[in-house]
């Protein structure tokens, strides 16, 4: 590709690529590790950053009524099998450009990172086979499905601080 460009253009292009690579490397080197992270989770955190963080933000806060917060909320879906499946079938997960193993790791990382209190007891991590089976049937109306699932959760599961979910 570079050999077909004039020398000056090639040098500018190479310089831009090196600059972008250095900027990315610097960002990754300075990306803070928290107690929920360990070196084995580094790839998974990068997958979250690349595929989820744009909407759910680095801190899992979401985007108001458009994208739900993960913080202190995502673990409540583990209270029922239907809720567990929802986390895989929601379009952002089901249609992510990651393989089943990577999605399972990201889901497990998100649960530990953003809702650790609900994932301490009896947490059964997602596995690639489960993700592969469930993501073949993405949910077409996630906000309605989310509200329905939350309405059917055991009362002790629902956070007292969280406002009731409403379908869009």
C-alpha atoms as a PDB file:
ATOM      1  CA  UNK A   1       0.000   0.000   0.000  1.00  0.00           C
ATOM      2  CA  UNK A   2       2.698   2.491   0.991  1.00  0.00           C
ATOM      3  CA  UNK A   3       4.894   1.745  -2.042  1.00  0.00           C
ATOM      4  CA  UNK A   4       2.247   3.139  -4.411  1.00  0.00           C
ATOM      5  CA  UNK A   5       2.149   6.562  -2.739  1.00  0.00           C
ATOM      6  CA  UNK A   6       4.603   9.398  -3.386  1.00  0.00           C
ATOM      7  CA  UNK A   7       7.491   9.446  -0.891  1.00  0.00           C
ATOM      8  CA  UNK A   8       6.325  12.559   0.998  1.00  0.00           C
ATOM      9  CA  UNK A   9       2.785  11.185   1.359  1.00  0.00           C
ATOM     10  CA  UNK A  10       4.183   7.822   2.480  1.00  0.00           C
ATOM     11  CA  UNK A  11       6.289   9.462   5.161  1.00  0.00           C
ATOM     12  CA  UNK A  12       3.361  11.559   6.436  1.00  0.00           C
ATOM     13  CA  UNK A  13       1.106   8.506   6.484  1.00  0.00           C
ATOM     14  CA  UNK A  14       3.680   6.430   8.346  1.00  0.00           C
ATOM     15  CA  UNK A  15       4.191   9.251  10.846  1.00  0.00           C
ATOM     16  CA  UNK A  16       0.435   9.481  11.458  1.00  0.00           C
ATOM     17  CA  UNK A  17       0.155   5.716  11.932  1.00  0.00           C
ATOM     18  CA  UNK A  18       3.102   5.730  14.369  1.00  0.00           C
ATOM     19  CA  UNK A  19       1.579   8.686  16.228  1.00  0.00           C
ATOM     20  CA  UNK A  20      -1.820   6.995  16.498  1.00  0.00           C
ATOM     21  CA  UNK A  21      -0.209   3.747  17.660  1.00  0.00           C
ATOM     22  CA  UNK A  22       1.817   5.617  20.289  1.00  0.00           C
ATOM     23  CA  UNK A  23      -1.299   7.450  21.484  1.00  0.00           C
ATOM     24  CA  UNK A  24      -3.234   4.169  21.823  1.00  0.00           C
ATOM     25  CA  UNK A  25      -0.319   2.451  23.560  1.00  0.00           C
ATOM     26  CA  UNK A  26       0.014   5.356  25.989  1.00  0.00           C
ATOM     27  CA  UNK A  27      -3.703   5.237  26.747  1.00  0.00           C
ATOM     28  CA  UNK A  28      -3.570   1.516  27.414  1.00  0.00           C
ATOM     29  CA  UNK A  29      -0.476   1.858  29.573  1.00  0.00           C
ATOM     30  CA  UNK A  30      -2.169   4.512  31.681  1.00  0.00           C
ATOM     31  CA  UNK A  31      -5.604   2.843  31.772  1.00  0.00           C
ATOM     32  CA  UNK A  32      -6.186   2.464  35.500  1.00  0.00           C
ATOM     33  CA  UNK A  33      -6.479  -0.971  36.978  1.00  0.00           C
ATOM     34  CA  UNK A  34      -8.927  -1.307  39.826  1.00  0.00           C
ATOM     35  CA  UNK A  35      -9.487  -3.939  42.472  1.00  0.00           C
ATOM     36  CA  UNK A  36     -11.906  -5.701  40.082  1.00  0.00           C
ATOM     37  CA  UNK A  37      -9.173  -5.954  37.434  1.00  0.00           C
ATOM     38  CA  UNK A  38      -6.206  -8.251  37.287  1.00  0.00           C
ATOM     39  CA  UNK A  39      -3.721  -8.893  34.484  1.00  0.00           C
ATOM     40  CA  UNK A  40      -5.784 -11.850  33.204  1.00  0.00           C
ATOM     41  CA  UNK A  41      -8.739  -9.480  32.731  1.00  0.00           C
ATOM     42  CA  UNK A  42      -6.757  -6.956  30.667  1.00  0.00           C
ATOM     43  CA  UNK A  43      -7.970  -8.331  27.287  1.00  0.00           C
ATOM     44  CA  UNK A  44     -11.531  -8.492  28.572  1.00  0.00           C
ATOM     45  CA  UNK A  45     -11.368  -4.899  29.781  1.00  0.00           C
ATOM     46  CA  UNK A  46     -10.132  -3.858  26.337  1.00  0.00           C
ATOM     47  CA  UNK A  47     -13.055  -5.731  24.745  1.00  0.00           C
ATOM     48  CA  UNK A  48     -15.438  -3.849  27.040  1.00  0.00           C
ATOM     49  CA  UNK A  49     -13.758  -0.574  26.131  1.00  0.00           C
ATOM     50  CA  UNK A  50     -14.029  -1.324  22.405  1.00  0.00           C
ATOM     51  CA  UNK A  51     -17.529  -2.796  22.252  1.00  0.00           C
ATOM     52  CA  UNK A  52     -19.525  -1.567  25.260  1.00  0.00           C
ATOM     53  CA  UNK A  53     -18.005   1.578  26.728  1.00  0.00           C
ATOM     54  CA  UNK A  54     -19.246   3.848  23.961  1.00  0.00           C
ATOM     55  CA  UNK A  55     -22.795   3.512  25.288  1.00  0.00           C
ATOM     56  CA  UNK A  56     -22.376   2.229  28.856  1.00  0.00           C
ATOM     57  CA  UNK A  57     -19.356   4.480  29.627  1.00  0.00           C
ATOM     58  CA  UNK A  58     -16.190   3.477  31.463  1.00  0.00           C
ATOM     59  CA  UNK A  59     -17.962   3.559  34.813  1.00  0.00           C
ATOM     60  CA  UNK A  60     -21.016   1.601  33.601  1.00  0.00           C
ATOM     61  CA  UNK A  61     -23.333   4.573  34.117  1.00  0.00           C
ATOM     62  CA  UNK A  62     -25.164   4.287  30.786  1.00  0.00           C
ATOM     63  CA  UNK A  63     -26.965   7.148  29.047  1.00  0.00           C
ATOM     64  CA  UNK A  64     -30.019   8.206  31.028  1.00  0.00           C
ATOM     65  CA  UNK A  65     -33.178   6.572  29.715  1.00  0.00           C
ATOM     66  CA  UNK A  66     -31.583   5.463  26.435  1.00  0.00           C
ATOM     67  CA  UNK A  67     -28.867   3.068  27.685  1.00  0.00           C
ATOM     68  CA  UNK A  68     -29.385   1.537  31.132  1.00  0.00           C
ATOM     69  CA  UNK A  69     -26.785   1.821  33.840  1.00  0.00           C
ATOM     70  CA  UNK A  70     -24.867  -1.313  34.747  1.00  0.00           C
ATOM     71  CA  UNK A  71     -23.709   0.018  38.137  1.00  0.00           C
ATOM     72  CA  UNK A  72     -25.493  -1.776  40.946  1.00  0.00           C
ATOM     73  CA  UNK A  73     -28.111  -2.991  38.472  1.00  0.00           C
ATOM     74  CA  UNK A  74     -26.784  -5.604  36.052  1.00  0.00           C
ATOM     75  CA  UNK A  75     -26.543  -8.365  38.669  1.00  0.00           C
ATOM     76  CA  UNK A  76     -30.260  -8.309  39.452  1.00  0.00           C
ATOM     77  CA  UNK A  77     -30.907 -10.051  36.145  1.00  0.00           C
ATOM     78  CA  UNK A  78     -29.148 -13.140  37.488  1.00  0.00           C
ATOM     79  CA  UNK A  79     -32.060 -13.708  39.900  1.00  0.00           C
ATOM     80  CA  UNK A  80     -34.036 -15.493  37.156  1.00  0.00           C
ATOM     81  CA  UNK A  81     -33.048 -17.632  34.187  1.00  0.00           C
ATOM     82  CA  UNK A  82     -34.999 -15.302  31.915  1.00  0.00           C
ATOM     83  CA  UNK A  83     -33.026 -12.322  33.242  1.00  0.00           C
ATOM     84  CA  UNK A  84     -29.744 -14.181  32.813  1.00  0.00           C
ATOM     85  CA  UNK A  85     -30.648 -14.927  29.203  1.00  0.00           C
ATOM     86  CA  UNK A  86     -31.685 -11.302  28.640  1.00  0.00           C
ATOM     87  CA  UNK A  87     -28.119 -10.112  29.288  1.00  0.00           C
ATOM     88  CA  UNK A  88     -26.905 -12.272  26.390  1.00  0.00           C
ATOM     89  CA  UNK A  89     -29.852 -11.672  24.061  1.00  0.00           C
ATOM     90  CA  UNK A  90     -29.939  -7.853  24.310  1.00  0.00           C
ATOM     91  CA  UNK A  91     -28.838  -6.575  20.868  1.00  0.00           C
ATOM     92  CA  UNK A  92     -25.639  -4.897  22.083  1.00  0.00           C
ATOM     93  CA  UNK A  93     -24.413  -8.237  23.404  1.00  0.00           C
ATOM     94  CA  UNK A  94     -25.945 -10.626  20.887  1.00  0.00           C
ATOM     95  CA  UNK A  95     -24.700  -8.651  17.890  1.00  0.00           C
ATOM     96  CA  UNK A  96     -21.292  -7.641  19.241  1.00  0.00           C
ATOM     97  CA  UNK A  97     -18.368  -8.361  16.945  1.00  0.00           C
ATOM     98  CA  UNK A  98     -16.788 -10.697  19.494  1.00  0.00           C
ATOM     99  CA  UNK A  99     -16.740 -14.467  19.632  1.00  0.00           C
ATOM    100  CA  UNK A 100     -18.818 -16.349  22.195  1.00  0.00           C
ATOM    101  CA  UNK A 101     -15.880 -16.874  24.570  1.00  0.00           C
ATOM    102  CA  UNK A 102     -15.009 -13.157  24.580  1.00  0.00           C
ATOM    103  CA  UNK A 103     -18.641 -12.185  25.208  1.00  0.00           C
ATOM    104  CA  UNK A 104     -18.854 -14.625  28.119  1.00  0.00           C
ATOM    105  CA  UNK A 105     -15.714 -13.073  29.596  1.00  0.00           C
ATOM    106  CA  UNK A 106     -17.008  -9.525  29.114  1.00  0.00           C
ATOM    107  CA  UNK A 107     -20.347 -10.369  30.755  1.00  0.00           C
ATOM    108  CA  UNK A 108     -18.598 -12.003  33.719  1.00  0.00           C
ATOM    109  CA  UNK A 109     -16.212  -9.032  33.998  1.00  0.00           C
ATOM    110  CA  UNK A 110     -19.101  -6.527  33.863  1.00  0.00           C
ATOM    111  CA  UNK A 111     -21.010  -8.370  36.587  1.00  0.00           C
ATOM    112  CA  UNK A 112     -17.960  -8.487  38.885  1.00  0.00           C
ATOM    113  CA  UNK A 113     -16.994  -4.899  38.080  1.00  0.00           C
ATOM    114  CA  UNK A 114     -20.329  -3.062  38.120  1.00  0.00           C
ATOM    115  CA  UNK A 115     -22.451  -5.119  40.521  1.00  0.00           C
ATOM    116  CA  UNK A 116     -20.075  -7.104  42.729  1.00  0.00           C
ATOM    117  CA  UNK A 117     -22.476  -7.412  45.672  1.00  0.00           C
ATOM    118  CA  UNK A 118     -24.965  -9.414  43.599  1.00  0.00           C
ATOM    119  CA  UNK A 119     -22.316 -11.644  42.052  1.00  0.00           C
ATOM    120  CA  UNK A 120     -20.652 -12.800  45.248  1.00  0.00           C
ATOM    121  CA  UNK A 121     -23.170 -15.437  46.245  1.00  0.00           C
ATOM    122  CA  UNK A 122     -24.013 -18.388  43.972  1.00  0.00           C
ATOM    123  CA  UNK A 123     -22.650 -16.670  40.855  1.00  0.00           C
ATOM    124  CA  UNK A 124     -22.493 -19.044  37.911  1.00  0.00           C
ATOM    125  CA  UNK A 125     -20.220 -17.477  35.285  1.00  0.00           C
ATOM    126  CA  UNK A 126     -21.331 -17.363  31.671  1.00  0.00           C
ATOM    127  CA  UNK A 127     -19.669 -19.877  29.374  1.00  0.00           C
ATOM    128  CA  UNK A 128     -19.079 -19.694  25.621  1.00  0.00           C
ATOM    129  CA  UNK A 129     -21.550 -22.496  24.815  1.00  0.00           C
ATOM    130  CA  UNK A 130     -24.370 -20.762  26.696  1.00  0.00           C
ATOM    131  CA  UNK A 131     -23.606 -17.431  25.007  1.00  0.00           C
ATOM    132  CA  UNK A 132     -23.436 -19.070  21.577  1.00  0.00           C
ATOM    133  CA  UNK A 133     -26.836 -20.697  22.018  1.00  0.00           C
ATOM    134  CA  UNK A 134     -28.588 -17.581  23.366  1.00  0.00           C
ATOM    135  CA  UNK A 135     -27.181 -14.917  21.084  1.00  0.00           C
ATOM    136  CA  UNK A 136     -28.710 -16.583  18.037  1.00  0.00           C
ATOM    137  CA  UNK A 137     -32.044 -15.093  19.142  1.00  0.00           C
ATOM    138  CA  UNK A 138     -31.507 -11.400  19.912  1.00  0.00           C
ATOM    139  CA  UNK A 139     -34.333  -9.490  21.566  1.00  0.00           C
ATOM    140  CA  UNK A 140     -36.078  -7.115  19.170  1.00  0.00           C
ATOM    141  CA  UNK A 141     -37.613  -4.783  21.805  1.00  0.00           C
ATOM    142  CA  UNK A 142     -35.074  -4.726  24.634  1.00  0.00           C
ATOM    143  CA  UNK A 143     -36.598  -1.879  26.682  1.00  0.00           C
ATOM    144  CA  UNK A 144     -39.992  -3.624  26.824  1.00  0.00           C
ATOM    145  CA  UNK A 145     -38.397  -6.971  27.629  1.00  0.00           C
ATOM    146  CA  UNK A 146     -36.226  -5.346  30.304  1.00  0.00           C
ATOM    147  CA  UNK A 147     -39.245  -3.713  31.986  1.00  0.00           C
ATOM    148  CA  UNK A 148     -41.188  -6.989  31.889  1.00  0.00           C
ATOM    149  CA  UNK A 149     -38.304  -8.971  33.406  1.00  0.00           C
ATOM    150  CA  UNK A 150     -37.715  -6.370  36.131  1.00  0.00           C
ATOM    151  CA  UNK A 151     -41.424  -6.346  36.980  1.00  0.00           C
ATOM    152  CA  UNK A 152     -41.236 -10.121  37.557  1.00  0.00           C
ATOM    153  CA  UNK A 153     -38.064 -10.136  39.671  1.00  0.00           C
ATOM    154  CA  UNK A 154     -38.320 -11.167  43.317  1.00  0.00           C
ATOM    155  CA  UNK A 155     -38.892  -7.997  45.420  1.00  0.00           C
ATOM    156  CA  UNK A 156     -35.633  -8.430  47.353  1.00  0.00           C
ATOM    157  CA  UNK A 157     -33.729  -8.290  44.058  1.00  0.00           C
ATOM    158  CA  UNK A 158     -34.833  -4.815  43.051  1.00  0.00           C
ATOM    159  CA  UNK A 159     -32.672  -2.018  44.410  1.00  0.00           C
ATOM    160  CA  UNK A 160     -34.551   0.438  46.606  1.00  0.00           C
ATOM    161  CA  UNK A 161     -32.485   3.269  45.095  1.00  0.00           C
ATOM    162  CA  UNK A 162     -33.335   2.419  41.509  1.00  0.00           C
ATOM    163  CA  UNK A 163     -36.367   4.004  39.883  1.00  0.00           C
ATOM    164  CA  UNK A 164     -38.830   1.593  38.283  1.00  0.00           C
ATOM    165  CA  UNK A 165     -37.994   0.783  34.675  1.00  0.00           C
ATOM    166  CA  UNK A 166     -40.342   2.018  31.980  1.00  0.00           C
ATOM    167  CA  UNK A 167     -40.463   0.691  28.431  1.00  0.00           C
ATOM    168  CA  UNK A 168     -39.644   3.242  25.726  1.00  0.00           C
END
